[in-house]
PDB file of N, CA and C in Angstrom:
ATOM      1  N   UNK A   1       1.936  22.261   1.403  1.00  0.00           N
ATOM      2  CA  UNK A   1       0.756  22.417   2.237  1.00  0.00           C
ATOM      3  C   UNK A   1      -0.029  21.105   2.227  1.00  0.00           C
ATOM      4  N   UNK A   2      -0.396  20.606   3.384  1.00  0.00           N
ATOM      5  CA  UNK A   2      -1.174  19.362   3.441  1.00  0.00           C
ATOM      6  C   UNK A   2      -2.540  19.516   2.767  1.00  0.00           C
ATOM      7  N   UNK A   3      -2.983  18.438   2.188  1.00  0.00           N
ATOM      8  CA  UNK A   3      -4.296  18.402   1.553  1.00  0.00           C
ATOM      9  C   UNK A   3      -5.221  17.585   2.441  1.00  0.00           C
ATOM     10  N   UNK A   4      -6.463  18.031   2.589  1.00  0.00           N
ATOM     11  CA  UNK A   4      -7.410  17.320   3.449  1.00  0.00           C
ATOM     12  C   UNK A   4      -8.585  16.797   2.634  1.00  0.00           C
ATOM     13  N   UNK A   5      -9.295  15.846   3.217  1.00  0.00           N
ATOM     14  CA  UNK A   5     -10.516  15.294   2.631  1.00  0.00           C
ATOM     15  C   UNK A   5     -11.461  14.987   3.788  1.00  0.00           C
ATOM     16  N   UNK A   6     -12.753  14.902   3.502  1.00  0.00           N
ATOM     17  CA  UNK A   6     -13.772  14.664   4.519  1.00  0.00           C
ATOM     18  C   UNK A   6     -14.398  13.294   4.312  1.00  0.00           C
ATOM     19  N   UNK A   7     -14.571  12.558   5.401  1.00  0.00           N
ATOM     20  CA  UNK A   7     -15.226  11.256   5.362  1.00  0.00           C
ATOM     21  C   UNK A   7     -16.727  11.465   5.188  1.00  0.00           C
ATOM     22  N   UNK A   8     -17.322  10.841   4.172  1.00  0.00           N
ATOM     23  CA  UNK A   8     -18.750  11.012   3.895  1.00  0.00           C
ATOM     24  C   UNK A   8     -19.594  10.142   4.817  1.00  0.00           C
ATOM     25  N   UNK A   9     -20.908  10.321   4.768  1.00  0.00           N
ATOM     26  CA  UNK A   9     -21.824   9.518   5.579  1.00  0.00           C
ATOM     27  C   UNK A   9     -21.803   8.046   5.158  1.00  0.00           C
ATOM     28  N   UNK A  10     -21.294   7.759   3.953  1.00  0.00           N
ATOM     29  CA  UNK A  10     -21.158   6.383   3.473  1.00  0.00           C
ATOM     30  C   UNK A  10     -19.740   5.852   3.729  1.00  0.00           C
ATOM     31  N   UNK A  11     -18.977   6.578   4.568  1.00  0.00           N
ATOM     32  CA  UNK A  11     -17.606   6.216   4.919  1.00  0.00           C
ATOM     33  C   UNK A  11     -16.687   6.162   3.703  1.00  0.00           C
ATOM     34  N   UNK A  12     -16.853   7.121   2.803  1.00  0.00           N
ATOM     35  CA  UNK A  12     -16.014   7.225   1.614  1.00  0.00           C
ATOM     36  C   UNK A  12     -15.204   8.512   1.691  1.00  0.00           C
ATOM     37  N   UNK A  13     -13.997   8.467   1.114  1.00  0.00           N
ATOM     38  CA  UNK A  13     -13.133   9.641   1.032  1.00  0.00           C
ATOM     39  C   UNK A  13     -12.695   9.790  -0.419  1.00  0.00           C
ATOM     40  N   UNK A  14     -12.788  11.006  -0.941  1.00  0.00           N
ATOM     41  CA  UNK A  14     -12.266  11.290  -2.276  1.00  0.00           C
ATOM     42  C   UNK A  14     -10.820  11.739  -2.132  1.00  0.00           C
ATOM     43  N   UNK A  15      -9.949  11.127  -2.888  1.00  0.00           N
ATOM     44  CA  UNK A  15      -8.536  11.498  -2.844  1.00  0.00           C
ATOM     45  C   UNK A  15      -8.366  12.762  -3.686  1.00  0.00           C
ATOM     46  N   UNK A  16      -7.808  13.813  -3.122  1.00  0.00           N
ATOM     47  CA  UNK A  16      -7.655  15.071  -3.854  1.00  0.00           C
ATOM     48  C   UNK A  16      -6.872  14.886  -5.154  1.00  0.00           C
ATOM     49  N   UNK A  17      -7.252  15.639  -6.161  1.00  0.00           N
ATOM     50  CA  UNK A  17      -6.655  15.528  -7.490  1.00  0.00           C
ATOM     51  C   UNK A  17      -5.142  15.726  -7.453  1.00  0.00           C
ATOM     52  N   UNK A  18      -4.671  16.684  -6.674  1.00  0.00           N
ATOM     53  CA  UNK A  18      -3.231  16.950  -6.599  1.00  0.00           C
ATOM     54  C   UNK A  18      -2.472  15.716  -6.117  1.00  0.00           C
ATOM     55  N   UNK A  19      -3.022  14.995  -5.155  1.00  0.00           N
ATOM     56  CA  UNK A  19      -2.389  13.780  -4.623  1.00  0.00           C
ATOM     57  C   UNK A  19      -2.417  12.677  -5.680  1.00  0.00           C
ATOM     58  N   UNK A  20      -3.572  12.471  -6.312  1.00  0.00           N
ATOM     59  CA  UNK A  20      -3.690  11.428  -7.355  1.00  0.00           C
ATOM     60  C   UNK A  20      -2.697  11.663  -8.479  1.00  0.00           C
ATOM     61  N   UNK A  21      -2.578  12.913  -8.906  1.00  0.00           N
ATOM     62  CA  UNK A  21      -1.670  13.215 -10.016  1.00  0.00           C
ATOM     63  C   UNK A  21      -0.208  13.040  -9.621  1.00  0.00           C
ATOM     64  N   UNK A  22       0.151  13.485  -8.417  1.00  0.00           N
ATOM     65  CA  UNK A  22       1.540  13.371  -7.967  1.00  0.00           C
ATOM     66  C   UNK A  22       1.971  11.917  -7.823  1.00  0.00           C
ATOM     67  N   UNK A  23       1.053  11.062  -7.348  1.00  0.00           N
ATOM     68  CA  UNK A  23       1.371   9.650  -7.126  1.00  0.00           C
ATOM     69  C   UNK A  23       0.981   8.754  -8.298  1.00  0.00           C
ATOM     70  N   UNK A  24       0.417   9.339  -9.347  1.00  0.00           N
ATOM     71  CA  UNK A  24       0.022   8.609 -10.569  1.00  0.00           C
ATOM     72  C   UNK A  24      -0.988   7.505 -10.269  1.00  0.00           C
ATOM     73  N   UNK A  25      -1.941   7.786  -9.382  1.00  0.00           N
ATOM     74  CA  UNK A  25      -2.987   6.834  -9.067  1.00  0.00           C
ATOM     75  C   UNK A  25      -4.098   6.938 -10.086  1.00  0.00           C
ATOM     76  N   UNK A  26      -4.663   5.784 -10.477  1.00  0.00           N
ATOM     77  CA  UNK A  26      -5.690   5.713 -11.507  1.00  0.00           C
ATOM     78  C   UNK A  26      -6.988   5.154 -10.930  1.00  0.00           C
ATOM     79  N   UNK A  27      -8.094   5.474 -11.590  1.00  0.00           N
ATOM     80  CA  UNK A  27      -9.390   4.916 -11.194  1.00  0.00           C
ATOM     81  C   UNK A  27      -9.344   3.396 -11.341  1.00  0.00           C
ATOM     82  N   UNK A  28      -9.913   2.683 -10.383  1.00  0.00           N
ATOM     83  CA  UNK A  28      -9.940   1.227 -10.417  1.00  0.00           C
ATOM     84  C   UNK A  28      -8.724   0.569  -9.783  1.00  0.00           C
ATOM     85  N   UNK A  29      -7.736   1.367  -9.396  1.00  0.00           N
ATOM     86  CA  UNK A  29      -6.541   0.825  -8.755  1.00  0.00           C
ATOM     87  C   UNK A  29      -6.903   0.299  -7.367  1.00  0.00           C
ATOM     88  N   UNK A  30      -6.304  -0.820  -6.981  1.00  0.00           N
ATOM     89  CA  UNK A  30      -6.593  -1.452  -5.683  1.00  0.00           C
ATOM     90  C   UNK A  30      -5.597  -0.964  -4.632  1.00  0.00           C
ATOM     91  N   UNK A  31      -6.099  -0.752  -3.399  1.00  0.00           N
ATOM     92  CA  UNK A  31      -5.264  -0.257  -2.301  1.00  0.00           C
ATOM     93  C   UNK A  31      -5.372  -1.160  -1.090  1.00  0.00           C
ATOM     94  N   UNK A  32      -4.349  -1.125  -0.251  1.00  0.00           N
ATOM     95  CA  UNK A  32      -4.336  -1.840   1.014  1.00  0.00           C
ATOM     96  C   UNK A  32      -4.293  -0.789   2.121  1.00  0.00           C
ATOM     97  N   UNK A  33      -5.003  -1.061   3.230  1.00  0.00           N
ATOM     98  CA  UNK A  33      -5.055  -0.148   4.366  1.00  0.00           C
ATOM     99  C   UNK A  33      -4.394  -0.840   5.553  1.00  0.00           C
ATOM    100  N   UNK A  34      -3.365  -0.195   6.119  1.00  0.00           N
ATOM    101  CA  UNK A  34      -2.609  -0.761   7.230  1.00  0.00           C
ATOM    102  C   UNK A  34      -2.782   0.151   8.445  1.00  0.00           C
ATOM    103  N   UNK A  35      -3.454  -0.336   9.504  1.00  0.00           N
ATOM    104  CA  UNK A  35      -3.636   0.494  10.702  1.00  0.00           C
ATOM    105  C   UNK A  35      -2.283   0.843  11.335  1.00  0.00           C
ATOM    106  N   UNK A  36      -2.103   2.117  11.689  1.00  0.00           N
ATOM    107  CA  UNK A  36      -0.879   2.605  12.328  1.00  0.00           C
ATOM    108  C   UNK A  36      -1.262   3.536  13.461  1.00  0.00           C
ATOM    109  N   UNK A  37      -1.114   3.094  14.710  1.00  0.00           N
ATOM    110  CA  UNK A  37      -1.470   3.896  15.881  1.00  0.00           C
ATOM    111  C   UNK A  37      -2.874   4.468  15.736  1.00  0.00           C
ATOM    112  N   UNK A  38      -2.982   5.786  15.613  1.00  0.00           N
ATOM    113  CA  UNK A  38      -4.303   6.426  15.497  1.00  0.00           C
ATOM    114  C   UNK A  38      -4.635   6.783  14.052  1.00  0.00           C
ATOM    115  N   UNK A  39      -3.864   6.297  13.107  1.00  0.00           N
ATOM    116  CA  UNK A  39      -4.083   6.603  11.703  1.00  0.00           C
ATOM    117  C   UNK A  39      -4.066   5.343  10.866  1.00  0.00           C
ATOM    118  N   UNK A  40      -3.895   5.538   9.576  1.00  0.00           N
ATOM    119  CA  UNK A  40      -3.860   4.405   8.651  1.00  0.00           C
ATOM    120  C   UNK A  40      -2.899   4.731   7.512  1.00  0.00           C
ATOM    121  N   UNK A  41      -2.152   3.727   7.081  1.00  0.00           N
ATOM    122  CA  UNK A  41      -1.266   3.853   5.933  1.00  0.00           C
ATOM    123  C   UNK A  41      -1.997   3.245   4.744  1.00  0.00           C
ATOM    124  N   UNK A  42      -2.154   4.014   3.689  1.00  0.00           N
ATOM    125  CA  UNK A  42      -2.847   3.538   2.490  1.00  0.00           C
ATOM    126  C   UNK A  42      -1.828   3.446   1.364  1.00  0.00           C
ATOM    127  N   UNK A  43      -1.709   2.257   0.777  1.00  0.00           N
ATOM    128  CA  UNK A  43      -0.733   2.043  -0.285  1.00  0.00           C
ATOM    129  C   UNK A  43      -1.371   1.274  -1.429  1.00  0.00           C
ATOM    130  N   UNK A  44      -0.978   1.562  -2.664  1.00  0.00           N
ATOM    131  CA  UNK A  44      -1.486   0.778  -3.788  1.00  0.00           C
ATOM    132  C   UNK A  44      -0.937  -0.643  -3.739  1.00  0.00           C
ATOM    133  N   UNK A  45      -1.776  -1.596  -4.083  1.00  0.00           N
ATOM    134  CA  UNK A  45      -1.352  -2.994  -4.164  1.00  0.00           C
ATOM    135  C   UNK A  45      -0.510  -3.119  -5.435  1.00  0.00           C
ATOM    136  N   UNK A  46       0.720  -3.622  -5.335  1.00  0.00           N
ATOM    137  CA  UNK A  46       1.569  -3.707  -6.529  1.00  0.00           C
ATOM    138  C   UNK A  46       1.062  -4.756  -7.513  1.00  0.00           C
ATOM    139  N   UNK A  47       1.311  -4.491  -8.777  1.00  0.00           N
ATOM    140  CA  UNK A  47       0.992  -5.452  -9.826  1.00  0.00           C
ATOM    141  C   UNK A  47       2.077  -6.533  -9.819  1.00  0.00           C
ATOM    142  N   UNK A  48       1.755  -7.717 -10.301  1.00  0.00           N
ATOM    143  CA  UNK A  48       2.688  -8.842 -10.296  1.00  0.00           C
ATOM    144  C   UNK A  48       3.999  -8.487 -10.996  1.00  0.00           C
ATOM    145  N   UNK A  49       3.937  -7.794 -12.124  1.00  0.00           N
ATOM    146  CA  UNK A  49       5.153  -7.454 -12.868  1.00  0.00           C
ATOM    147  C   UNK A  49       6.036  -6.459 -12.104  1.00  0.00           C
ATOM    148  N   UNK A  50       5.457  -5.689 -11.191  1.00  0.00           N
ATOM    149  CA  UNK A  50       6.241  -4.761 -10.374  1.00  0.00           C
ATOM    150  C   UNK A  50       7.055  -5.495  -9.313  1.00  0.00           C
ATOM    151  N   UNK A  51       6.668  -6.722  -8.984  1.00  0.00           N
ATOM    152  CA  UNK A  51       7.364  -7.508  -7.972  1.00  0.00           C
ATOM    153  C   UNK A  51       8.498  -8.352  -8.549  1.00  0.00           C
ATOM    154  N   UNK A  52       8.609  -8.391  -9.870  1.00  0.00           N
ATOM    155  CA  UNK A  52       9.653  -9.192 -10.507  1.00  0.00           C
ATOM    156  C   UNK A  52      11.022  -8.709 -10.063  1.00  0.00           C
ATOM    157  N   UNK A  53      11.842  -9.619  -9.558  1.00  0.00           N
ATOM    158  CA  UNK A  53      13.203  -9.304  -9.141  1.00  0.00           C
ATOM    159  C   UNK A  53      13.324  -8.745  -7.741  1.00  0.00           C
ATOM    160  N   UNK A  54      12.236  -8.665  -6.985  1.00  0.00           N
ATOM    161  CA  UNK A  54      12.278  -8.061  -5.654  1.00  0.00           C
ATOM    162  C   UNK A  54      13.143  -8.863  -4.686  1.00  0.00           C
ATOM    163  N   UNK A  55      13.272 -10.153  -4.902  1.00  0.00           N
ATOM    164  CA  UNK A  55      14.059 -10.998  -3.995  1.00  0.00           C
ATOM    165  C   UNK A  55      15.412 -11.362  -4.584  1.00  0.00           C
ATOM    166  N   UNK A  56      15.869 -10.581  -5.536  1.00  0.00           N
ATOM    167  CA  UNK A  56      17.159 -10.862  -6.166  1.00  0.00           C
ATOM    168  C   UNK A  56      18.259 -10.862  -5.108  1.00  0.00           C
ATOM    169  N   UNK A  57      19.051 -11.901  -5.088  1.00  0.00           N
ATOM    170  CA  UNK A  57      20.142 -12.009  -4.125  1.00  0.00           C
ATOM    171  C   UNK A  57      19.745 -12.641  -2.804  1.00  0.00           C
ATOM    172  N   UNK A  58      18.470 -13.001  -2.644  1.00  0.00           N
ATOM    173  CA  UNK A  58      18.023 -13.627  -1.393  1.00  0.00           C
ATOM    174  C   UNK A  58      18.611 -15.028  -1.272  1.00  0.00           C
ATOM    175  N   UNK A  59      18.892 -15.419  -0.020  1.00  0.00           N
ATOM    176  CA  UNK A  59      19.431 -16.759   0.205  1.00  0.00           C
ATOM    177  C   UNK A  59      18.344 -17.802  -0.047  1.00  0.00           C
ATOM    178  N   UNK A  60      18.703 -18.859  -0.716  1.00  0.00           N
ATOM    179  CA  UNK A  60      17.754 -19.941  -1.003  1.00  0.00           C
ATOM    180  C   UNK A  60      17.815 -21.038   0.051  1.00  0.00           C
ATOM    181  N   UNK A  61      18.873 -21.052   0.847  1.00  0.00           N
ATOM    182  CA  UNK A  61      19.027 -22.029   1.914  1.00  0.00           C
ATOM    183  C   UNK A  61      19.310 -21.312   3.226  1.00  0.00           C
ATOM    184  N   UNK A  62      19.124 -22.035   4.316  1.00  0.00           N
ATOM    185  CA  UNK A  62      19.429 -21.528   5.647  1.00  0.00           C
ATOM    186  C   UNK A  62      18.663 -20.237   5.977  1.00  0.00           C
ATOM    187  N   UNK A  63      17.356 -20.273   5.780  1.00  0.00           N
ATOM    188  CA  UNK A  63      16.497 -19.143   6.136  1.00  0.00           C
ATOM    189  C   UNK A  63      15.459 -19.615   7.148  1.00  0.00           C
ATOM    190  N   UNK A  64      14.908 -18.666   7.901  1.00  0.00           N
ATOM    191  CA  UNK A  64      13.880 -19.007   8.885  1.00  0.00           C
ATOM    192  C   UNK A  64      12.539 -19.169   8.195  1.00  0.00           C
ATOM    193  N   UNK A  65      11.826 -20.183   8.600  1.00  0.00           N
ATOM    194  CA  UNK A  65      10.496 -20.450   8.075  1.00  0.00           C
ATOM    195  C   UNK A  65       9.482 -20.188   9.183  1.00  0.00           C
ATOM    196  N   UNK A  66       8.215 -20.153   8.860  1.00  0.00           N
ATOM    197  CA  UNK A  66       7.174 -19.953   9.870  1.00  0.00           C
ATOM    198  C   UNK A  66       7.246 -21.035  10.952  1.00  0.00           C
ATOM    199  N   UNK A  67       7.666 -22.237  10.584  1.00  0.00           N
ATOM    200  CA  UNK A  67       7.760 -23.332  11.544  1.00  0.00           C
ATOM    201  C   UNK A  67       8.854 -23.073  12.584  1.00  0.00           C
ATOM    202  N   UNK A  68       9.833 -22.225  12.265  1.00  0.00           N
ATOM    203  CA  UNK A  68      10.935 -21.941  13.170  1.00  0.00           C
ATOM    204  C   UNK A  68      10.603 -20.869  14.217  1.00  0.00           C
ATOM    205  N   UNK A  69       9.474 -20.223  14.112  1.00  0.00           N
ATOM    206  CA  UNK A  69       9.187 -19.058  14.949  1.00  0.00           C
ATOM    207  C   UNK A  69       8.697 -19.405  16.330  1.00  0.00           C
ATOM    208  N   UNK A  70       8.065 -20.551  16.533  1.00  0.00           N
ATOM    209  CA  UNK A  70       7.508 -20.889  17.836  1.00  0.00           C
ATOM    210  C   UNK A  70       8.008 -22.225  18.305  1.00  0.00           C
TER     211      UNK A  70
END
């Protein structure tokens, strides 16, 4: 069953406890908001140690750079 929350007059939303517990979100955690059509995608900002090894196997040569796009 979907969980809902209400936007306050200060434009704040409390994340329901069931959602926080399921996703293991903690107080003080930083989030990023990505606009998507008529909604928004909210995701926790990863910690540096969580990004270790994310590019394993990536090519070090012959890749497109920002200068190649235009």
